[in-house]
C-alpha atoms as a PDB file:
ATOM      1  CA  MET A   1     205.348  15.054  84.747  1.00  0.00           C
ATOM      2  CA  PRO A   2     203.304  17.937  82.985  1.00  0.00           C
ATOM      3  CA  GLN A   3     200.165  15.940  84.440  1.00  0.00           C
ATOM      4  CA  PHE A   4     200.902  16.658  87.793  1.00  0.00           C
ATOM      5  CA  PHE A   5     202.120  20.014  87.776  1.00  0.00           C
ATOM      6  CA  SER A   6     198.648  20.515  86.045  1.00  0.00           C
ATOM      7  CA  ASN A   7     196.706  18.836  88.843  1.00  0.00           C
ATOM      8  CA  LYS A   8     199.117  20.998  91.110  1.00  0.00           C
ATOM      9  CA  ARG A   9     198.015  24.590  89.615  1.00  0.00           C
ATOM     10  CA  LEU A  10     194.274  23.716  89.616  1.00  0.00           C
ATOM     11  CA  ILE A  11     194.687  22.339  93.663  1.00  0.00           C
ATOM     12  CA  LEU A  12     196.540  25.858  94.304  1.00  0.00           C
ATOM     13  CA  LEU A  13     194.007  27.503  92.106  1.00  0.00           C
ATOM     14  CA  LEU A  14     191.145  25.980  94.491  1.00  0.00           C
ATOM     15  CA  VAL A  15     192.885  26.408  97.533  1.00  0.00           C
ATOM     16  CA  GLY A  16     193.336  30.020  96.518  1.00  0.00           C
ATOM     17  CA  MET A  17     189.673  30.400  95.966  1.00  0.00           C
ATOM     18  CA  ILE A  18     188.760  29.123  99.318  1.00  0.00           C
ATOM     19  CA  PHE A  19     190.750  31.131 101.131  1.00  0.00           C
ATOM     20  CA  LEU A  20     189.723  34.141  99.469  1.00  0.00           C
ATOM     21  CA  VAL A  21     186.113  33.186 100.200  1.00  0.00           C
ATOM     22  CA  ALA A  22     186.940  33.147 103.924  1.00  0.00           C
ATOM     23  CA  LEU A  23     188.255  35.989 103.844  1.00  0.00           C
ATOM     24  CA  ILE A  24     185.613  37.712 102.639  1.00  0.00           C
ATOM     25  CA  SER A  25     183.004  35.888 104.533  1.00  0.00           C
ATOM     26  CA  PHE A  26     185.176  36.875 107.864  1.00  0.00           C
ATOM     27  CA  SER A  27     185.239  40.398 106.937  1.00  0.00           C
ATOM     28  CA  LEU A  28     181.329  40.707 106.116  1.00  0.00           C
ATOM     29  CA  ARG A  29     180.142  38.657 109.110  1.00  0.00           C
ATOM     30  CA  ASP A  30     178.873  40.647 112.226  1.00  0.00           C
ATOM     31  CA  ARG A  31     181.302  40.852 114.825  1.00  0.00           C
ATOM     32  CA  ASN A  32     181.180  42.571 118.129  1.00  0.00           C
ATOM     33  CA  HIS A  33     184.635  43.001 119.149  1.00  0.00           C
ATOM     34  CA  ALA A  34     187.644  44.503 116.149  1.00  0.00           C
ATOM     35  CA  SER A  35     190.465  42.152 115.650  1.00  0.00           C
ATOM     36  CA  LEU A  36     193.623  43.246 117.307  1.00  0.00           C
ATOM     37  CA  PRO A  37     195.306  44.877 114.282  1.00  0.00           C
ATOM     38  CA  GLU A  38     192.033  46.797 113.994  1.00  0.00           C
ATOM     39  CA  GLN A  39     192.065  47.691 117.668  1.00  0.00           C
ATOM     40  CA  LEU A  40     195.798  49.108 117.298  1.00  0.00           C
ATOM     41  CA  ILE A  41     195.013  50.907 114.318  1.00  0.00           C
ATOM     42  CA  LYS A  42     191.784  52.508 115.473  1.00  0.00           C
ATOM     43  CA  ASP A  43     193.082  53.427 118.835  1.00  0.00           C
ATOM     44  CA  VAL A  44     196.173  55.446 116.852  1.00  0.00           C
ATOM     45  CA  VAL A  45     194.183  57.018 114.535  1.00  0.00           C
ATOM     46  CA  GLY A  46     191.331  57.854 117.501  1.00  0.00           C
ATOM     47  CA  PHE A  47     194.529  59.385 119.631  1.00  0.00           C
ATOM     48  CA  GLY A  48     195.765  61.468 116.730  1.00  0.00           C
ATOM     49  CA  GLN A  49     192.489  62.890 115.800  1.00  0.00           C
ATOM     50  CA  THR A  50     192.147  63.332 119.271  1.00  0.00           C
ATOM     51  CA  MET A  51     195.144  65.716 119.801  1.00  0.00           C
ATOM     52  CA  PHE A  52     194.373  67.100 116.301  1.00  0.00           C
ATOM     53  CA  SER A  53     190.921  68.235 117.229  1.00  0.00           C
ATOM     54  CA  LYS A  54     191.148  69.732 120.708  1.00  0.00           C
ATOM     55  CA  PRO A  55     193.644  72.425 119.694  1.00  0.00           C
ATOM     56  CA  THR A  56     191.056  73.390 116.761  1.00  0.00           C
ATOM     57  CA  GLN A  57     188.295  73.108 118.890  1.00  0.00           C
ATOM     58  CA  TYR A  58     189.602  75.310 121.235  1.00  0.00           C
ATOM     59  CA  VAL A  59     190.500  77.833 119.175  1.00  0.00           C
ATOM     60  CA  SER A  60     187.596  77.772 117.029  1.00  0.00           C
ATOM     61  CA  GLY A  61     185.564  78.214 120.423  1.00  0.00           C
ATOM     62  CA  ILE A  62     187.523  81.644 120.849  1.00  0.00           C
ATOM     63  CA  PHE A  63     186.417  83.055 117.665  1.00  0.00           C
ATOM     64  CA  ASN A  64     182.889  81.867 118.549  1.00  0.00           C
ATOM     65  CA  ASN A  65     182.888  83.447 121.783  1.00  0.00           C
ATOM     66  CA  VAL A  66     184.737  86.652 120.341  1.00  0.00           C
ATOM     67  CA  ASP A  67     181.733  86.502 117.877  1.00  0.00           C
ATOM     68  CA  SER A  68     179.317  85.983 120.305  1.00  0.00           C
ATOM     69  CA  LEU A  69     180.306  88.969 122.164  1.00  0.00           C
ATOM     70  CA  LEU A  70     180.119  91.095 119.391  1.00  0.00           C
ATOM     71  CA  ASN A  71     176.789  90.039 118.454  1.00  0.00           C
ATOM     72  CA  THR A  72     175.753  90.417 122.116  1.00  0.00           C
ATOM     73  CA  TYR A  73     176.825  93.804 122.536  1.00  0.00           C
ATOM     74  CA  ASP A  74     175.192  94.941 118.871  1.00  0.00           C
ATOM     75  CA  GLU A  75     171.954  93.234 120.064  1.00  0.00           C
ATOM     76  CA  ASN A  76     172.018  94.875 123.524  1.00  0.00           C
ATOM     77  CA  GLN A  77     172.225  98.306 122.077  1.00  0.00           C
ATOM     78  CA  ARG A  78     169.024  97.580 119.387  1.00  0.00           C
ATOM     79  CA  LEU A  79     167.048  96.438 122.826  1.00  0.00           C
ATOM     80  CA  LYS A  80     168.161  99.452 124.348  1.00  0.00           C
ATOM     81  CA  ALA A  81     167.103 101.934 121.573  1.00  0.00           C
ATOM     82  CA  ARG A  82     163.729  99.507 121.318  1.00  0.00           C
ATOM     83  CA  LEU A  83     163.213 100.228 124.867  1.00  0.00           C
ATOM     84  CA  GLU A  84     163.822 103.877 124.983  1.00  0.00           C
ATOM     85  CA  ASP A  85     161.288 103.984 121.920  1.00  0.00           C
ATOM     86  CA  TYR A  86     158.956 101.998 123.647  1.00  0.00           C
ATOM     87  CA  ALA A  87     158.992 104.001 126.972  1.00  0.00           C
ATOM     88  CA  SER A  88     158.721 107.187 124.689  1.00  0.00           C
ATOM     89  CA  LEU A  89     155.435 105.404 122.972  1.00  0.00           C
ATOM     90  CA  GLN A  90     154.098 104.222 126.475  1.00  0.00           C
ATOM     91  CA  ALA A  91     154.096 107.776 127.477  1.00  0.00           C
ATOM     92  CA  ASP A  92     152.179 109.036 124.617  1.00  0.00           C
ATOM     93  CA  VAL A  93     149.805 106.241 125.075  1.00  0.00           C
ATOM     94  CA  ASN A  94     149.148 106.918 128.388  1.00  0.00           C
ATOM     95  CA  SER A  95     148.900 110.745 127.808  1.00  0.00           C
ATOM     96  CA  LEU A  96     146.070 110.099 125.134  1.00  0.00           C
ATOM     97  CA  LYS A  97     144.461 107.876 127.172  1.00  0.00           C
ATOM     98  CA  LEU A  98     144.194 110.269 129.832  1.00  0.00           C
ATOM     99  CA  ASP A  99     143.103 112.929 127.423  1.00  0.00           C
ATOM    100  CA  ASN A 100     140.606 110.680 126.030  1.00  0.00           C
ATOM    101  CA  GLU A 101     138.859 110.193 129.191  1.00  0.00           C
ATOM    102  CA  ARG A 102     138.672 113.678 130.304  1.00  0.00           C
ATOM    103  CA  LEU A 103     137.341 114.338 127.020  1.00  0.00           C
ATOM    104  CA  GLN A 104     134.521 111.604 127.333  1.00  0.00           C
ATOM    105  CA  GLU A 105     133.862 113.175 130.863  1.00  0.00           C
ATOM    106  CA  ILE A 106     133.267 116.619 129.484  1.00  0.00           C
ATOM    107  CA  LEU A 107     131.367 115.392 126.634  1.00  0.00           C
ATOM    108  CA  ASP A 108     129.465 112.575 128.964  1.00  0.00           C
ATOM    109  CA  LYS A 109     130.278 110.213 126.309  1.00  0.00           C
ATOM    110  CA  LYS A 110     130.631 106.495 127.831  1.00  0.00           C
ATOM    111  CA  ASP A 111     130.245 104.401 124.981  1.00  0.00           C
ATOM    112  CA  ASP A 112     132.957 103.662 122.432  1.00  0.00           C
ATOM    113  CA  LEU A 113     133.347 101.622 118.971  1.00  0.00           C
ATOM    114  CA  ARG A 114     136.703 100.040 120.517  1.00  0.00           C
ATOM    115  CA  ASP A 115     134.927  98.669 123.825  1.00  0.00           C
ATOM    116  CA  PHE A 116     134.423  94.722 124.150  1.00  0.00           C
ATOM    117  CA  ASN A 117     134.812  92.306 126.871  1.00  0.00           C
ATOM    118  CA  PRO A 118     137.202  89.695 125.778  1.00  0.00           C
ATOM    119  CA  ILE A 119     136.489  85.538 126.306  1.00  0.00           C
ATOM    120  CA  GLN A 120     139.075  83.098 126.151  1.00  0.00           C
ATOM    121  CA  SER A 121     138.627  80.372 124.096  1.00  0.00           C
ATOM    122  CA  THR A 122     140.807  77.172 122.591  1.00  0.00           C
ATOM    123  CA  VAL A 123     140.161  75.560 118.988  1.00  0.00           C
ATOM    124  CA  ILE A 124     139.239  72.043 119.750  1.00  0.00           C
ATOM    125  CA  ALA A 125     138.588  71.144 115.751  1.00  0.00           C
ATOM    126  CA  ARG A 126     138.831  71.809 112.341  1.00  0.00           C
ATOM    127  CA  ASN A 127     137.267  70.188 109.409  1.00  0.00           C
ATOM    128  CA  PRO A 128     139.957  68.919 106.863  1.00  0.00           C
ATOM    129  CA  ASP A 129     137.754  69.746 104.114  1.00  0.00           C
ATOM    130  CA  GLN A 130     137.159  73.082 105.337  1.00  0.00           C
ATOM    131  CA  TRP A 131     140.645  73.715 106.734  1.00  0.00           C
ATOM    132  CA  GLU A 132     141.150  77.448 105.701  1.00  0.00           C
ATOM    133  CA  GLU A 133     137.461  78.154 106.337  1.00  0.00           C
ATOM    134  CA  LYS A 134     136.407  77.448 109.757  1.00  0.00           C
ATOM    135  CA  ILE A 135     137.274  76.051 112.980  1.00  0.00           C
ATOM    136  CA  ILE A 136     135.371  75.184 116.050  1.00  0.00           C
ATOM    137  CA  ILE A 137     135.861  76.563 119.474  1.00  0.00           C
ATOM    138  CA  ASN A 138     135.383  75.305 123.027  1.00  0.00           C
ATOM    139  CA  LYS A 139     132.931  78.272 124.327  1.00  0.00           C
ATOM    140  CA  GLY A 140     129.585  78.517 123.354  1.00  0.00           C
ATOM    141  CA  GLU A 141     125.789  80.121 124.409  1.00  0.00           C
ATOM    142  CA  ILE A 142     126.361  79.587 128.189  1.00  0.00           C
ATOM    143  CA  HIS A 143     129.750  81.437 128.070  1.00  0.00           C
ATOM    144  CA  GLY A 144     127.801  84.369 126.380  1.00  0.00           C
ATOM    145  CA  VAL A 145     129.081  83.787 122.840  1.00  0.00           C
ATOM    146  CA  GLN A 146     126.381  84.581 119.990  1.00  0.00           C
ATOM    147  CA  PRO A 147     126.662  84.507 116.062  1.00  0.00           C
ATOM    148  CA  ASN A 148     128.436  87.556 114.457  1.00  0.00           C
ATOM    149  CA  MET A 149     131.051  88.144 117.135  1.00  0.00           C
ATOM    150  CA  ALA A 150     134.327  88.893 116.261  1.00  0.00           C
ATOM    151  CA  VAL A 151     137.145  86.358 116.974  1.00  0.00           C
ATOM    152  CA  MET A 152     140.914  87.393 116.968  1.00  0.00           C
ATOM    153  CA  THR A 153     144.131  85.892 118.224  1.00  0.00           C
ATOM    154  CA  ALA A 154     146.838  88.134 119.719  1.00  0.00           C
ATOM    155  CA  LYS A 155     148.309  89.385 116.459  1.00  0.00           C
ATOM    156  CA  GLY A 156     144.808  90.421 114.772  1.00  0.00           C
ATOM    157  CA  LEU A 157     141.641  89.571 113.347  1.00  0.00           C
ATOM    158  CA  ILE A 158     140.959  85.969 112.195  1.00  0.00           C
ATOM    159  CA  GLY A 159     136.715  85.680 111.558  1.00  0.00           C
ATOM    160  CA  LYS A 160     133.717  85.846 113.223  1.00  0.00           C
ATOM    161  CA  VAL A 161     131.298  83.286 115.033  1.00  0.00           C
ATOM    162  CA  ILE A 162     128.399  81.829 112.541  1.00  0.00           C
ATOM    163  CA  LEU A 163     126.880  78.984 114.917  1.00  0.00           C
ATOM    164  CA  THR A 164     126.733  78.479 118.381  1.00  0.00           C
ATOM    165  CA  THR A 165     125.505  75.615 120.381  1.00  0.00           C
ATOM    166  CA  PRO A 166     125.354  75.626 124.305  1.00  0.00           C
ATOM    167  CA  TYR A 167     129.224  74.499 124.856  1.00  0.00           C
ATOM    168  CA  THR A 168     130.767  75.395 121.368  1.00  0.00           C
ATOM    169  CA  SER A 169     131.104  77.358 118.607  1.00  0.00           C
ATOM    170  CA  THR A 170     131.874  77.398 114.875  1.00  0.00           C
ATOM    171  CA  VAL A 171     133.942  80.165 113.236  1.00  0.00           C
ATOM    172  CA  GLU A 172     134.198  81.292 109.709  1.00  0.00           C
ATOM    173  CA  LEU A 173     137.928  82.438 109.308  1.00  0.00           C
ATOM    174  CA  MET A 174     138.502  85.630 107.106  1.00  0.00           C
ATOM    175  CA  SER A 175     140.346  83.313 104.595  1.00  0.00           C
ATOM    176  CA  THR A 176     136.687  81.754 103.369  1.00  0.00           C
ATOM    177  CA  GLN A 177     135.589  81.433 100.179  1.00  0.00           C
ATOM    178  CA  ASN A 178     132.178  83.068 100.931  1.00  0.00           C
ATOM    179  CA  PRO A 179     131.407  85.762  98.169  1.00  0.00           C
ATOM    180  CA  ASN A 180     129.200  87.452 101.290  1.00  0.00           C
ATOM    181  CA  TYR A 181     131.806  87.384 104.034  1.00  0.00           C
ATOM    182  CA  ARG A 182     132.907  91.302 104.245  1.00  0.00           C
ATOM    183  CA  VAL A 183     134.826  93.125 106.942  1.00  0.00           C
ATOM    184  CA  SER A 184     134.529  96.877 107.129  1.00  0.00           C
ATOM    185  CA  ALA A 185     138.100  98.091 106.939  1.00  0.00           C
ATOM    186  CA  VAL A 186     140.129 101.693 107.572  1.00  0.00           C
ATOM    187  CA  ILE A 187     143.498 102.522 106.807  1.00  0.00           C
ATOM    188  CA  ALA A 188     145.191 105.731 108.621  1.00  0.00           C
ATOM    189  CA  SER A 189     147.351 107.802 107.044  1.00  0.00           C
ATOM    190  CA  GLU A 190     148.137 111.590 106.862  1.00  0.00           C
ATOM    191  CA  GLU A 191     144.970 112.555 104.699  1.00  0.00           C
ATOM    192  CA  GLY A 192     142.880 110.886 107.055  1.00  0.00           C
ATOM    193  CA  GLU A 193     140.994 107.431 107.550  1.00  0.00           C
ATOM    194  CA  VAL A 194     140.640 105.623 104.215  1.00  0.00           C
ATOM    195  CA  PHE A 195     137.675 103.122 104.292  1.00  0.00           C
ATOM    196  CA  GLY A 196     137.133 100.007 102.448  1.00  0.00           C
ATOM    197  CA  LEU A 197     136.027  96.561 102.625  1.00  0.00           C
ATOM    198  CA  ILE A 198     137.949  93.126 102.719  1.00  0.00           C
ATOM    199  CA  GLU A 199     136.217  91.208 100.218  1.00  0.00           C
ATOM    200  CA  GLY A 200     137.241  87.947  99.128  1.00  0.00           C
ATOM    201  CA  TYR A 201     140.725  85.837  99.879  1.00  0.00           C
ATOM    202  CA  ASP A 202     143.727  85.248  97.194  1.00  0.00           C
ATOM    203  CA  GLU A 203     145.040  81.819  97.927  1.00  0.00           C
ATOM    204  CA  THR A 204     147.163  81.838  95.479  1.00  0.00           C
ATOM    205  CA  ARG A 205     148.783  84.739  97.527  1.00  0.00           C
ATOM    206  CA  LYS A 206     147.627  83.963 101.027  1.00  0.00           C
ATOM    207  CA  GLU A 207     146.321  87.317 101.323  1.00  0.00           C
ATOM    208  CA  LEU A 208     143.209  89.188 101.838  1.00  0.00           C
ATOM    209  CA  ILE A 209     141.849  91.569  99.343  1.00  0.00           C
ATOM    210  CA  LEU A 210     140.605  95.153 100.354  1.00  0.00           C
ATOM    211  CA  LYS A 211     138.068  96.239  97.782  1.00  0.00           C
ATOM    212  CA  ARG A 212     135.933  99.915  97.285  1.00  0.00           C
ATOM    213  CA  ILE A 213     138.925 102.342  98.373  1.00  0.00           C
ATOM    214  CA  ASP A 214     138.343 105.901  97.097  1.00  0.00           C
ATOM    215  CA  SER A 215     140.403 106.674  94.462  1.00  0.00           C
ATOM    216  CA  GLU A 216     140.948 109.802  95.754  1.00  0.00           C
ATOM    217  CA  PHE A 217     143.056 108.914  98.510  1.00  0.00           C
ATOM    218  CA  LYS A 218     146.813 107.602  98.248  1.00  0.00           C
ATOM    219  CA  VAL A 219     147.259 103.873  99.955  1.00  0.00           C
ATOM    220  CA  GLU A 220     150.926 102.668 100.304  1.00  0.00           C
ATOM    221  CA  LYS A 221     152.358  99.646 101.051  1.00  0.00           C
ATOM    222  CA  GLY A 222     153.318  99.179 104.543  1.00  0.00           C
ATOM    223  CA  GLN A 223     150.332 100.646 106.008  1.00  0.00           C
ATOM    224  CA  LYS A 224     148.542  98.895 108.913  1.00  0.00           C
ATOM    225  CA  VAL A 225     144.958  97.943 108.217  1.00  0.00           C
ATOM    226  CA  THR A 226     142.258  97.617 111.252  1.00  0.00           C
ATOM    227  CA  THR A 227     138.792  97.135 111.683  1.00  0.00           C
ATOM    228  CA  SER A 228     136.688 100.470 111.704  1.00  0.00           C
ATOM    229  CA  GLY A 229     133.826  99.487 113.776  1.00  0.00           C
ATOM    230  CA  LEU A 230     130.962 100.658 111.762  1.00  0.00           C
ATOM    231  CA  GLY A 231     129.733  97.428 111.012  1.00  0.00           C
ATOM    232  CA  GLY A 232     128.073  96.642 113.896  1.00  0.00           C
ATOM    233  CA  ILE A 233     130.284  93.167 114.214  1.00  0.00           C
ATOM    234  CA  PHE A 234     133.793  93.960 114.523  1.00  0.00           C
ATOM    235  CA  PRO A 235     135.020  96.656 117.292  1.00  0.00           C
ATOM    236  CA  LYS A 236     137.239  99.052 115.872  1.00  0.00           C
ATOM    237  CA  GLY A 237     141.139  99.137 116.114  1.00  0.00           C
ATOM    238  CA  ILE A 238     141.833  95.319 115.733  1.00  0.00           C
ATOM    239  CA  ILE A 239     144.459  94.961 113.581  1.00  0.00           C
ATOM    240  CA  ILE A 240     143.955  93.156 109.954  1.00  0.00           C
ATOM    241  CA  GLY A 241     146.899  93.572 108.393  1.00  0.00           C
ATOM    242  CA  GLU A 242     149.598  95.312 106.689  1.00  0.00           C
ATOM    243  CA  VAL A 243     148.733  96.791 102.736  1.00  0.00           C
ATOM    244  CA  THR A 244     151.483  94.725 100.238  1.00  0.00           C
ATOM    245  CA  GLU A 245     150.147  96.192  96.599  1.00  0.00           C
ATOM    246  CA  VAL A 246     147.648  98.697  95.569  1.00  0.00           C
ATOM    247  CA  THR A 247     146.058  98.568  92.227  1.00  0.00           C
ATOM    248  CA  THR A 248     142.831  99.561  90.683  1.00  0.00           C
ATOM    249  CA  ASP A 249     140.078  97.387  90.739  1.00  0.00           C
ATOM    250  CA  ASP A 250     138.323  95.636  87.242  1.00  0.00           C
ATOM    251  CA  TYR A 251     136.245  98.671  86.281  1.00  0.00           C
ATOM    252  CA  GLY A 252     138.782 101.225  87.251  1.00  0.00           C
ATOM    253  CA  LEU A 253     136.566 103.449  89.643  1.00  0.00           C
ATOM    254  CA  THR A 254     138.184 102.408  92.978  1.00  0.00           C
ATOM    255  CA  LYS A 255     141.420 100.783  94.435  1.00  0.00           C
ATOM    256  CA  LEU A 256     141.977  97.562  95.267  1.00  0.00           C
ATOM    257  CA  ALA A 257     144.421  96.548  98.099  1.00  0.00           C
ATOM    258  CA  TYR A 258     146.096  93.360  98.729  1.00  0.00           C
ATOM    259  CA  ILE A 259     146.485  92.767 102.589  1.00  0.00           C
ATOM    260  CA  LYS A 260     149.203  90.666 104.363  1.00  0.00           C
ATOM    261  CA  PRO A 261     147.338  89.159 107.661  1.00  0.00           C
ATOM    262  CA  SER A 262     148.616  90.091 110.824  1.00  0.00           C
ATOM    263  CA  ALA A 263     147.695  86.550 112.204  1.00  0.00           C
ATOM    264  CA  SER A 264     148.217  83.029 110.812  1.00  0.00           C
ATOM    265  CA  PHE A 265     144.916  81.004 109.854  1.00  0.00           C
ATOM    266  CA  SER A 266     146.911  77.798 109.568  1.00  0.00           C
ATOM    267  CA  ILE A 267     147.799  77.375 113.339  1.00  0.00           C
ATOM    268  CA  LEU A 268     145.382  78.647 115.732  1.00  0.00           C
ATOM    269  CA  GLU A 269     145.327  77.427 119.186  1.00  0.00           C
ATOM    270  CA  HIS A 270     143.878  80.001 121.822  1.00  0.00           C
ATOM    271  CA  VAL A 271     141.524  82.654 120.383  1.00  0.00           C
ATOM    272  CA  ILE A 272     139.714  85.349 121.987  1.00  0.00           C
ATOM    273  CA  ILE A 273     135.885  86.112 121.289  1.00  0.00           C
ATOM    274  CA  ALA A 274     134.957  90.108 121.223  1.00  0.00           C
ATOM    275  CA  LYS A 275     131.569  90.494 122.867  1.00  0.00           C
ATOM    276  CA  ARG A 276     131.254  94.009 121.717  1.00  0.00           C
ATOM    277  CA  SER A 277     129.922  96.852 124.251  1.00  0.00           C
ATOM    278  CA  ILE A 278     127.954  98.573 121.651  1.00  0.00           C
ATOM    279  CA  ASN A 279     125.379  96.369 119.850  1.00  0.00           C
ATOM    280  CA  PRO A 280     124.510  96.638 116.325  1.00  0.00           C
ATOM    281  CA  VAL A 281     121.656  98.755 114.725  1.00  0.00           C
ATOM    282  CA  ASP A 282     118.289  97.535 116.409  1.00  0.00           C
ATOM    283  CA  GLY A 283     116.159  96.220 113.379  1.00  0.00           C
ATOM    284  CA  SER A 284     119.231  94.965 111.155  1.00  0.00           C
ATOM    285  CA  ASP A 285     120.399  91.794 110.322  1.00  0.00           C
ATOM    286  CA  GLY A 286     123.620  90.672 111.442  1.00  0.00           C
ATOM    287  CA  ASP A 287     125.092  89.017 108.693  1.00  0.00           C
ATOM    288  CA  ASN A 288     124.568  92.296 106.283  1.00  0.00           C
ATOM    289  CA  THR A 289     125.185  95.005 108.950  1.00  0.00           C
ATOM    290  CA  GLU A 290     128.882  94.610 108.558  1.00  0.00           C
ATOM    291  CA  ALA A 291     128.649  95.351 104.647  1.00  0.00           C
ATOM    292  CA  ASP A 292     125.357  97.714 104.416  1.00  0.00           C
ATOM    293  CA  LEU A 293     127.340 100.211 107.214  1.00  0.00           C
ATOM    294  CA  THR A 294     130.474 100.022 105.789  1.00  0.00           C
ATOM    295  CA  GLU A 295     129.495 100.832 101.907  1.00  0.00           C
ATOM    296  CA  GLU A 296     127.509 104.023 103.690  1.00  0.00           C
ATOM    297  CA  ALA A 297     130.880 105.271 105.206  1.00  0.00           C
ATOM    298  CA  GLY A 298     132.955 104.575 102.070  1.00  0.00           C
ATOM    299  CA  ASP A 299     130.652 106.735 100.087  1.00  0.00           C
ATOM    300  CA  GLY A 300     130.985 109.404 102.639  1.00  0.00           C
ATOM    301  CA  SER A 301     134.712 108.946 103.070  1.00  0.00           C
END
């Protein structure tokens, strides 16, 4: 009798294990349809969630709409203020432009350092090894492109042409590590124009370095930096960037400023080549003109 009960327990244990394995297999297998109890539970829970979520979403939508209306009103007021400022600024620009034209007629002055003919172009290639230094564009000699022409985007100056073929050109960016790459620049301040030279690019800060600034002039953070037009390569008035920090050079004789570029050197698709109306000084080397003339301007500023 005890042996029978012992075998009975063993049989029940085996049956229980088989049943448990069957349940586990049933729950783990991939099913396209839920069982009837699962369907009932899911439907009841889904109905309850729907009944609860709809009022919640409605109330939340009301608050979001009110908040959007308030933000839209504030944004509308700011845009109106900016439009008024823009209209006033545009009127001043038009007035100054007319005055400038009349003065040029009186002086019989035909040329201007700001004048250039734009040549639209597209970036077609970029060397991964020189990603931050050079780009290739789809305009060349047959389009009137020549070495030492300035290249810019709608946001500001990015570099100059260094090599041309009949149908393409290579542009060296201002973010290059070429020690001989210099750009004549100027900062407009209340004291007058402050000249300097863009010499170098800080890879850590992602900013240009403006050197040879006369220590007598006050340069402040936030001031705009543009091309001076005195080097014979870059037309005058092209935006370069904004001053972020001012310090002294290694010798303490002149000031040094870090410039945050207005244009991005990493994302470039469409560029503008500036064909200057006024050519560099005759007999001068285009690569050195920018530095030589700017040094004279800086010494005289």
